[in-house]
Every structure is written in structure tokens, then in C-alpha cells.
N, C-alpha and C. Protein backbone atom coordinates (compact mmCIF):
# COMPACT_ATOMS: atom_id res chain seq x y z
N UNK A 1 80.91 -13.71 23.77
CA UNK A 1 81.46 -14.00 25.08
C UNK A 1 81.31 -15.50 25.37
N UNK A 2 82.34 -16.07 25.92
CA UNK A 2 82.34 -17.50 26.20
C UNK A 2 81.41 -17.85 27.36
N UNK A 3 80.68 -18.93 27.23
CA UNK A 3 79.78 -19.41 28.27
C UNK A 3 80.57 -20.01 29.42
N UNK A 4 80.22 -19.62 30.67
CA UNK A 4 80.88 -20.18 31.85
C UNK A 4 79.82 -20.57 32.88
N UNK A 5 80.01 -21.73 33.47
CA UNK A 5 79.10 -22.24 34.50
C UNK A 5 79.71 -21.93 35.87
N UNK A 6 78.85 -21.54 36.82
CA UNK A 6 79.32 -21.31 38.18
C UNK A 6 78.22 -21.71 39.16
N UNK A 7 78.54 -21.72 40.44
CA UNK A 7 77.60 -22.15 41.49
C UNK A 7 76.99 -23.52 41.19
N UNK A 8 77.83 -24.45 40.77
CA UNK A 8 77.41 -25.82 40.52
C UNK A 8 77.19 -26.51 41.86
N UNK A 9 75.97 -27.00 42.12
CA UNK A 9 75.65 -27.57 43.43
C UNK A 9 74.97 -28.93 43.32
N UNK A 10 75.08 -29.67 44.41
CA UNK A 10 74.36 -30.92 44.62
C UNK A 10 73.62 -30.76 45.93
N UNK A 11 72.33 -31.01 45.96
CA UNK A 11 71.51 -30.80 47.15
C UNK A 11 71.69 -29.36 47.67
N UNK A 12 71.79 -28.42 46.72
CA UNK A 12 71.86 -26.98 46.99
C UNK A 12 73.10 -26.58 47.79
N UNK A 13 74.17 -27.39 47.71
CA UNK A 13 75.43 -27.09 48.38
C UNK A 13 76.58 -27.26 47.39
N UNK A 14 77.53 -26.34 47.42
CA UNK A 14 78.75 -26.52 46.64
C UNK A 14 79.58 -27.59 47.34
N UNK A 15 80.12 -28.53 46.57
CA UNK A 15 80.96 -29.62 47.12
C UNK A 15 80.30 -30.20 48.37
N UNK A 16 79.08 -30.66 48.19
CA UNK A 16 78.22 -31.10 49.29
C UNK A 16 78.81 -32.27 50.08
N UNK A 17 78.69 -32.18 51.39
CA UNK A 17 79.11 -33.24 52.30
C UNK A 17 77.88 -33.79 53.02
N UNK A 18 77.82 -35.11 53.18
CA UNK A 18 76.72 -35.71 53.93
C UNK A 18 75.44 -35.89 53.14
N UNK A 19 75.52 -36.01 51.84
CA UNK A 19 74.32 -36.22 51.02
C UNK A 19 73.70 -37.56 51.42
N UNK A 20 72.44 -37.55 51.78
CA UNK A 20 71.81 -38.78 52.26
C UNK A 20 70.53 -39.14 51.51
N UNK A 21 70.54 -38.87 50.21
CA UNK A 21 69.42 -39.24 49.36
C UNK A 21 69.93 -39.98 48.12
N UNK A 22 69.12 -40.88 47.62
CA UNK A 22 69.47 -41.60 46.38
C UNK A 22 68.97 -40.85 45.14
N UNK A 23 68.34 -39.70 45.35
CA UNK A 23 67.81 -38.89 44.25
C UNK A 23 68.28 -37.44 44.43
N UNK A 24 69.61 -37.21 44.38
CA UNK A 24 70.10 -35.85 44.61
C UNK A 24 69.65 -34.89 43.50
N UNK A 25 69.54 -33.63 43.88
CA UNK A 25 69.19 -32.60 42.90
C UNK A 25 70.41 -31.74 42.63
N UNK A 26 70.55 -31.34 41.38
CA UNK A 26 71.68 -30.55 40.92
C UNK A 26 71.18 -29.21 40.40
N UNK A 27 71.98 -28.18 40.59
CA UNK A 27 71.64 -26.84 40.14
C UNK A 27 72.91 -26.13 39.68
N UNK A 28 72.74 -25.07 38.89
CA UNK A 28 73.88 -24.30 38.41
C UNK A 28 73.40 -22.94 37.92
N UNK A 29 74.37 -22.08 37.71
CA UNK A 29 74.15 -20.78 37.09
C UNK A 29 75.18 -20.63 35.99
N UNK A 30 74.94 -19.71 35.09
CA UNK A 30 75.90 -19.48 34.02
C UNK A 30 75.86 -18.01 33.61
N UNK A 31 76.93 -17.60 32.94
CA UNK A 31 76.94 -16.28 32.31
C UNK A 31 77.72 -16.40 31.03
N UNK A 32 77.56 -15.41 30.19
CA UNK A 32 78.25 -15.39 28.92
C UNK A 32 77.33 -15.80 27.79
N UNK A 33 77.90 -15.93 26.64
CA UNK A 33 77.13 -16.33 25.48
C UNK A 33 76.60 -15.16 24.68
N UNK A 34 76.73 -13.94 25.21
CA UNK A 34 76.31 -12.77 24.47
C UNK A 34 74.86 -12.40 24.71
N UNK A 35 74.47 -11.33 24.10
CA UNK A 35 73.11 -10.80 24.23
C UNK A 35 72.09 -11.77 23.64
N UNK A 36 71.03 -12.03 24.37
CA UNK A 36 69.97 -12.91 23.87
C UNK A 36 70.26 -14.39 24.02
N UNK A 37 71.38 -14.73 24.68
CA UNK A 37 71.74 -16.14 24.85
C UNK A 37 70.88 -16.78 25.94
N UNK A 38 70.53 -18.04 25.73
CA UNK A 38 69.75 -18.77 26.74
C UNK A 38 70.14 -20.25 26.68
N UNK A 39 70.01 -20.90 27.82
CA UNK A 39 70.29 -22.34 27.89
C UNK A 39 69.18 -23.07 27.16
N UNK A 40 69.55 -24.05 26.36
CA UNK A 40 68.51 -24.86 25.72
C UNK A 40 68.68 -26.35 25.98
N UNK A 41 69.76 -26.76 26.64
CA UNK A 41 69.94 -28.18 26.95
C UNK A 41 71.01 -28.36 28.03
N UNK A 42 70.96 -29.50 28.71
CA UNK A 42 71.98 -29.85 29.69
C UNK A 42 72.18 -31.36 29.68
N UNK A 43 73.29 -31.78 30.28
CA UNK A 43 73.60 -33.20 30.46
C UNK A 43 74.35 -33.34 31.78
N UNK A 44 73.92 -34.25 32.64
CA UNK A 44 74.57 -34.50 33.92
C UNK A 44 75.10 -35.93 33.93
N UNK A 45 76.37 -36.09 34.29
CA UNK A 45 77.01 -37.39 34.39
C UNK A 45 77.53 -37.54 35.81
N UNK A 46 77.29 -38.69 36.44
CA UNK A 46 77.79 -38.96 37.79
C UNK A 46 78.69 -40.19 37.72
N UNK A 47 79.90 -40.07 38.28
CA UNK A 47 80.87 -41.17 38.29
C UNK A 47 81.24 -41.53 39.71
N UNK A 48 81.64 -42.79 39.90
CA UNK A 48 82.14 -43.21 41.21
C UNK A 48 83.62 -42.84 41.33
N UNK A 49 84.23 -43.22 42.43
CA UNK A 49 85.63 -42.84 42.68
C UNK A 49 86.61 -43.44 41.69
N UNK A 50 86.23 -44.55 41.06
CA UNK A 50 87.10 -45.18 40.06
C UNK A 50 86.81 -44.69 38.65
N UNK A 51 85.90 -43.74 38.51
CA UNK A 51 85.55 -43.22 37.19
C UNK A 51 84.45 -44.01 36.51
N UNK A 52 83.89 -44.99 37.21
CA UNK A 52 82.80 -45.78 36.63
C UNK A 52 81.51 -44.97 36.54
N UNK A 53 80.81 -45.12 35.45
CA UNK A 53 79.59 -44.38 35.19
C UNK A 53 78.44 -44.88 36.06
N UNK A 54 77.82 -43.99 36.83
CA UNK A 54 76.65 -44.32 37.64
C UNK A 54 75.37 -43.81 37.02
N UNK A 55 75.44 -42.63 36.39
CA UNK A 55 74.25 -42.05 35.78
C UNK A 55 74.67 -41.10 34.67
N UNK A 56 73.85 -41.06 33.64
CA UNK A 56 74.04 -40.13 32.51
C UNK A 56 72.66 -39.75 32.02
N UNK A 57 72.29 -38.49 32.18
CA UNK A 57 70.96 -38.06 31.75
C UNK A 57 70.83 -37.99 30.24
N UNK A 58 71.97 -38.02 29.54
CA UNK A 58 71.91 -37.75 28.11
C UNK A 58 71.61 -36.27 27.92
N UNK A 59 71.59 -35.82 26.69
CA UNK A 59 71.29 -34.41 26.41
C UNK A 59 69.80 -34.18 26.59
N UNK A 60 69.46 -33.34 27.57
CA UNK A 60 68.06 -33.04 27.89
C UNK A 60 67.75 -31.64 27.37
N UNK A 61 66.80 -31.53 26.47
CA UNK A 61 66.40 -30.24 25.93
C UNK A 61 65.53 -29.55 26.98
N UNK A 62 66.12 -28.54 27.65
CA UNK A 62 65.42 -27.85 28.72
C UNK A 62 66.20 -26.59 29.10
N UNK A 63 65.47 -25.59 29.56
CA UNK A 63 66.13 -24.40 30.08
C UNK A 63 66.22 -24.43 31.61
N UNK A 64 65.75 -25.52 32.21
CA UNK A 64 65.83 -25.67 33.67
C UNK A 64 67.28 -25.75 34.12
N UNK A 65 67.58 -25.11 35.24
CA UNK A 65 68.94 -25.16 35.77
C UNK A 65 68.95 -25.22 37.29
N UNK A 66 67.83 -25.59 37.87
CA UNK A 66 67.74 -25.68 39.33
C UNK A 66 66.84 -26.85 39.72
N UNK A 67 67.29 -27.62 40.71
CA UNK A 67 66.47 -28.72 41.21
C UNK A 67 66.33 -29.89 40.25
N UNK A 68 67.35 -30.16 39.46
CA UNK A 68 67.32 -31.26 38.50
C UNK A 68 67.65 -32.55 39.24
N UNK A 69 66.69 -33.46 39.35
CA UNK A 69 66.87 -34.70 40.10
C UNK A 69 67.47 -35.80 39.22
N UNK A 70 68.44 -36.51 39.78
CA UNK A 70 69.06 -37.64 39.09
C UNK A 70 68.86 -38.88 39.97
N UNK A 71 68.32 -39.93 39.38
CA UNK A 71 68.05 -41.17 40.11
C UNK A 71 69.33 -42.00 40.23
N UNK A 72 69.79 -42.16 41.49
CA UNK A 72 70.97 -42.98 41.76
C UNK A 72 70.60 -44.10 42.73
N UNK A 73 69.36 -44.50 42.71
CA UNK A 73 68.86 -45.55 43.61
C UNK A 73 69.70 -46.81 43.47
N UNK A 74 70.21 -47.30 44.60
CA UNK A 74 70.99 -48.53 44.62
C UNK A 74 72.41 -48.39 44.11
N UNK A 75 72.84 -47.17 43.78
CA UNK A 75 74.18 -46.99 43.21
C UNK A 75 75.15 -46.27 44.14
N UNK A 76 74.62 -45.63 45.17
CA UNK A 76 75.48 -44.86 46.08
C UNK A 76 75.80 -45.65 47.34
N UNK A 77 77.02 -45.48 47.82
CA UNK A 77 77.47 -46.08 49.07
C UNK A 77 77.63 -44.97 50.10
N UNK A 78 77.46 -45.28 51.38
CA UNK A 78 77.66 -44.24 52.39
C UNK A 78 79.13 -43.84 52.50
N UNK A 79 79.34 -42.59 52.89
CA UNK A 79 80.68 -42.06 53.17
C UNK A 79 81.62 -42.18 51.97
N UNK A 80 81.10 -41.87 50.78
CA UNK A 80 81.87 -42.03 49.54
C UNK A 80 81.80 -40.74 48.72
N UNK A 81 82.90 -40.42 48.07
CA UNK A 81 82.96 -39.23 47.21
C UNK A 81 82.60 -39.62 45.78
N UNK A 82 81.78 -38.79 45.14
CA UNK A 82 81.36 -39.00 43.76
C UNK A 82 81.60 -37.73 42.96
N UNK A 83 82.02 -37.89 41.72
CA UNK A 83 82.23 -36.75 40.83
C UNK A 83 81.00 -36.59 39.94
N UNK A 84 80.68 -35.35 39.62
CA UNK A 84 79.63 -35.13 38.62
C UNK A 84 80.06 -34.05 37.65
N UNK A 85 79.59 -34.20 36.44
CA UNK A 85 79.97 -33.34 35.33
C UNK A 85 78.71 -32.78 34.70
N UNK A 86 78.79 -31.55 34.28
CA UNK A 86 77.64 -30.88 33.67
C UNK A 86 78.05 -30.29 32.33
N UNK A 87 77.29 -30.60 31.31
CA UNK A 87 77.42 -29.94 30.02
C UNK A 87 76.18 -29.06 29.85
N UNK A 88 76.38 -27.83 29.44
CA UNK A 88 75.27 -26.92 29.18
C UNK A 88 75.43 -26.38 27.76
N UNK A 89 74.33 -26.41 27.01
CA UNK A 89 74.31 -25.86 25.67
C UNK A 89 73.47 -24.59 25.69
N UNK A 90 73.99 -23.57 25.05
CA UNK A 90 73.27 -22.32 24.94
C UNK A 90 73.14 -21.95 23.48
N UNK A 91 72.10 -21.22 23.20
CA UNK A 91 71.94 -20.70 21.85
C UNK A 91 71.39 -19.29 21.94
N UNK A 92 71.54 -18.55 20.89
CA UNK A 92 71.01 -17.20 20.81
C UNK A 92 69.51 -17.31 20.57
N UNK A 93 68.72 -16.49 21.23
CA UNK A 93 67.26 -16.54 21.06
C UNK A 93 66.87 -16.19 19.63
N UNK A 94 67.79 -15.62 18.87
CA UNK A 94 67.49 -15.27 17.48
C UNK A 94 67.81 -16.39 16.50
N UNK A 95 68.33 -17.51 17.01
CA UNK A 95 68.64 -18.65 16.14
C UNK A 95 67.36 -19.31 15.66
N UNK A 96 67.41 -19.80 14.46
CA UNK A 96 66.28 -20.55 13.93
C UNK A 96 66.35 -22.02 14.35
N UNK A 97 65.28 -22.75 14.14
CA UNK A 97 65.23 -24.17 14.50
C UNK A 97 66.29 -24.97 13.75
N UNK A 98 66.59 -24.61 12.52
CA UNK A 98 67.58 -25.32 11.73
C UNK A 98 68.97 -25.20 12.37
N UNK A 99 69.31 -24.01 12.88
CA UNK A 99 70.61 -23.83 13.54
C UNK A 99 70.68 -24.64 14.83
N UNK A 100 69.57 -24.72 15.57
CA UNK A 100 69.55 -25.51 16.79
C UNK A 100 69.76 -26.99 16.48
N UNK A 101 69.15 -27.47 15.42
CA UNK A 101 69.29 -28.89 15.06
C UNK A 101 70.69 -29.23 14.59
N UNK A 102 71.36 -28.29 13.93
CA UNK A 102 72.70 -28.57 13.41
C UNK A 102 73.78 -28.39 14.45
N UNK A 103 73.41 -27.93 15.65
CA UNK A 103 74.37 -27.87 16.74
C UNK A 103 75.23 -26.62 16.78
N UNK A 104 74.85 -25.56 16.08
CA UNK A 104 75.61 -24.33 16.13
C UNK A 104 75.28 -23.60 17.42
N UNK A 105 75.83 -24.12 18.51
CA UNK A 105 75.52 -23.60 19.84
C UNK A 105 76.80 -23.49 20.64
N UNK A 106 76.74 -22.69 21.66
CA UNK A 106 77.83 -22.53 22.60
C UNK A 106 77.67 -23.60 23.68
N UNK A 107 78.75 -24.29 24.06
CA UNK A 107 78.66 -25.32 25.08
C UNK A 107 79.72 -25.08 26.14
N UNK A 108 79.37 -25.37 27.40
CA UNK A 108 80.32 -25.27 28.50
C UNK A 108 80.27 -26.55 29.32
N UNK A 109 81.38 -26.87 29.95
CA UNK A 109 81.48 -28.06 30.80
C UNK A 109 82.00 -27.63 32.17
N UNK A 110 81.41 -28.18 33.22
CA UNK A 110 81.87 -27.91 34.58
C UNK A 110 81.83 -29.22 35.36
N UNK A 111 82.58 -29.27 36.46
CA UNK A 111 82.57 -30.47 37.28
C UNK A 111 82.67 -30.10 38.75
N UNK A 112 82.23 -31.01 39.59
CA UNK A 112 82.32 -30.84 41.02
C UNK A 112 82.20 -32.23 41.65
N UNK A 113 81.94 -32.26 42.95
CA UNK A 113 81.79 -33.54 43.63
C UNK A 113 80.81 -33.40 44.77
N UNK A 114 80.37 -34.54 45.27
CA UNK A 114 79.60 -34.59 46.51
C UNK A 114 80.04 -35.83 47.28
N UNK A 115 79.84 -35.80 48.59
CA UNK A 115 80.20 -36.92 49.46
C UNK A 115 78.94 -37.37 50.17
N UNK A 116 78.68 -38.65 50.10
CA UNK A 116 77.49 -39.17 50.77
C UNK A 116 77.73 -39.29 52.27
N UNK A 117 76.64 -39.34 53.00
CA UNK A 117 76.69 -39.50 54.45
C UNK A 117 75.99 -40.78 54.84
N UNK A 118 75.17 -40.70 55.85
CA UNK A 118 74.44 -41.85 56.38
C UNK A 118 73.14 -42.04 55.59
N UNK A 119 72.89 -43.25 55.14
CA UNK A 119 71.61 -43.57 54.52
C UNK A 119 70.68 -44.29 55.49
N UNK A 120 71.27 -45.08 56.39
CA UNK A 120 70.49 -45.86 57.36
C UNK A 120 71.13 -45.75 58.73
N UNK A 121 70.31 -45.79 59.76
CA UNK A 121 70.80 -45.60 61.13
C UNK A 121 71.84 -46.64 61.54
N UNK A 122 71.74 -47.88 61.01
CA UNK A 122 72.69 -48.91 61.43
C UNK A 122 74.13 -48.64 60.94
N UNK A 123 74.30 -47.62 60.11
CA UNK A 123 75.63 -47.28 59.64
C UNK A 123 76.42 -46.46 60.67
N UNK A 124 75.78 -46.14 61.78
CA UNK A 124 76.43 -45.44 62.88
C UNK A 124 76.22 -46.22 64.16
N UNK A 125 77.14 -46.11 65.06
CA UNK A 125 76.93 -46.63 66.40
C UNK A 125 77.36 -45.55 67.37
N UNK A 126 76.76 -45.54 68.54
CA UNK A 126 77.08 -44.50 69.49
C UNK A 126 77.01 -45.03 70.90
N UNK A 127 77.68 -44.35 71.81
CA UNK A 127 77.67 -44.73 73.23
C UNK A 127 77.63 -43.46 74.06
N UNK A 128 76.89 -43.50 75.14
CA UNK A 128 76.87 -42.40 76.10
C UNK A 128 77.90 -42.68 77.19
N UNK A 129 78.69 -41.70 77.52
CA UNK A 129 79.66 -41.80 78.60
C UNK A 129 79.29 -40.77 79.66
N UNK A 130 79.41 -41.17 80.91
CA UNK A 130 79.19 -40.25 82.02
C UNK A 130 80.48 -39.49 82.29
N UNK A 131 80.39 -38.19 82.27
CA UNK A 131 81.56 -37.35 82.59
C UNK A 131 81.24 -36.71 83.94
N UNK A 132 81.78 -37.27 84.99
CA UNK A 132 81.47 -36.79 86.33
C UNK A 132 82.59 -35.94 86.93
N UNK A 133 83.60 -35.62 86.13
CA UNK A 133 84.72 -34.84 86.63
C UNK A 133 84.77 -33.51 85.88
N UNK A 134 85.44 -32.57 86.43
CA UNK A 134 85.65 -31.28 85.79
C UNK A 134 84.46 -30.34 85.92
N UNK A 135 84.61 -29.14 85.39
CA UNK A 135 83.58 -28.12 85.54
C UNK A 135 82.30 -28.40 84.74
N UNK A 136 82.38 -29.18 83.69
CA UNK A 136 81.21 -29.46 82.84
C UNK A 136 80.87 -30.94 82.91
N UNK A 137 80.23 -31.34 83.97
CA UNK A 137 79.89 -32.76 84.10
C UNK A 137 78.58 -33.03 83.37
N UNK A 138 78.35 -34.26 83.03
CA UNK A 138 77.14 -34.67 82.33
C UNK A 138 77.44 -35.80 81.39
N UNK A 139 76.52 -36.02 80.47
CA UNK A 139 76.68 -37.11 79.52
C UNK A 139 77.32 -36.61 78.23
N UNK A 140 78.16 -37.44 77.64
CA UNK A 140 78.82 -37.15 76.37
C UNK A 140 78.46 -38.27 75.41
N UNK A 141 78.04 -37.91 74.20
CA UNK A 141 77.73 -38.91 73.18
C UNK A 141 78.92 -39.01 72.23
N UNK A 142 79.43 -40.23 72.08
CA UNK A 142 80.52 -40.49 71.13
C UNK A 142 79.91 -41.31 70.00
N UNK A 143 80.09 -40.79 68.77
CA UNK A 143 79.50 -41.46 67.60
C UNK A 143 80.62 -41.89 66.67
N UNK A 144 80.46 -43.06 66.09
CA UNK A 144 81.47 -43.60 65.18
C UNK A 144 80.74 -44.28 64.04
N UNK A 145 81.25 -44.10 62.82
CA UNK A 145 80.61 -44.79 61.70
C UNK A 145 81.04 -46.25 61.69
N UNK A 146 80.16 -47.10 61.21
CA UNK A 146 80.42 -48.53 61.13
C UNK A 146 80.96 -48.83 59.75
N UNK A 147 82.09 -49.49 59.67
CA UNK A 147 82.71 -49.82 58.37
C UNK A 147 82.34 -51.19 57.92
């Protein structure tokens, strides 16, 4: 059975909006690969809107698939969409070490995106307006991002 990745998330959200950390965490689930199949490696790549490479974990030998942190310190801009790609390698638990080294494994690729939000308070400005007319009088806060 072919390996398929699903529930690919950033900061525990599918297609996350408002990510406000420079160290986002990525998670995923998978199915397929047949009886006894298990993940033995992953690779996460993050690109900017122009396709420029921001981060590449390289192939990480691990069965972890939740809460994987990627350091993007100084690389993310507020209110920007970023693409990320995941490669997952699986092997049968009955495979020997020699088969693992030679790459006789099932691999799947998935992609998604996240959008950053506010990193610092000065990126927003707001004003209070008095609404003294109508049935619902009181203060209204209008917020606008600073470009």
C-alpha cells in the first residue's frame, strides 16, 4: 500500500494563520506502507513566497511526527505566507540494516502553508472611537496593521 501523509500542520493548525513564533512546530500523520511499516526519517523544507529556501532540516533519522521544531529566527516577516514541504521515509520493521542503508524504503511527499501574524506590538496600531449613537453605545476599537 502506498504511503500517504495527512493532517500536516504548523503550530498544530492546518494551513495556519497568524503564526507568531520564529520556531514553529510541525506535525503530521500517515497511513499506508503495509503491515509492519513505520516511519524512520523525515525532512522539512520551508520556502518564502518567491520559492527561496529558508530552512531545510535535511534527512533526519527519527520516528517522531509531532512537535518538530524548525528554527526560522530572523527569516520570517509578519503577515506573509510561507510554503513548507515534508518528505517522510518509511520502512518495514522486518527490514535489515543493510536495506535501510541502501534506501529500499517507501517515501511520501506532502506540502502545505502557514501565514505569519504579529511578531511585535508596533506592527499594529489602534484607536478607540466613542460610539454614542444607536442602541449599542460605547467604545469601539479599530485595529490596523502597519505596513
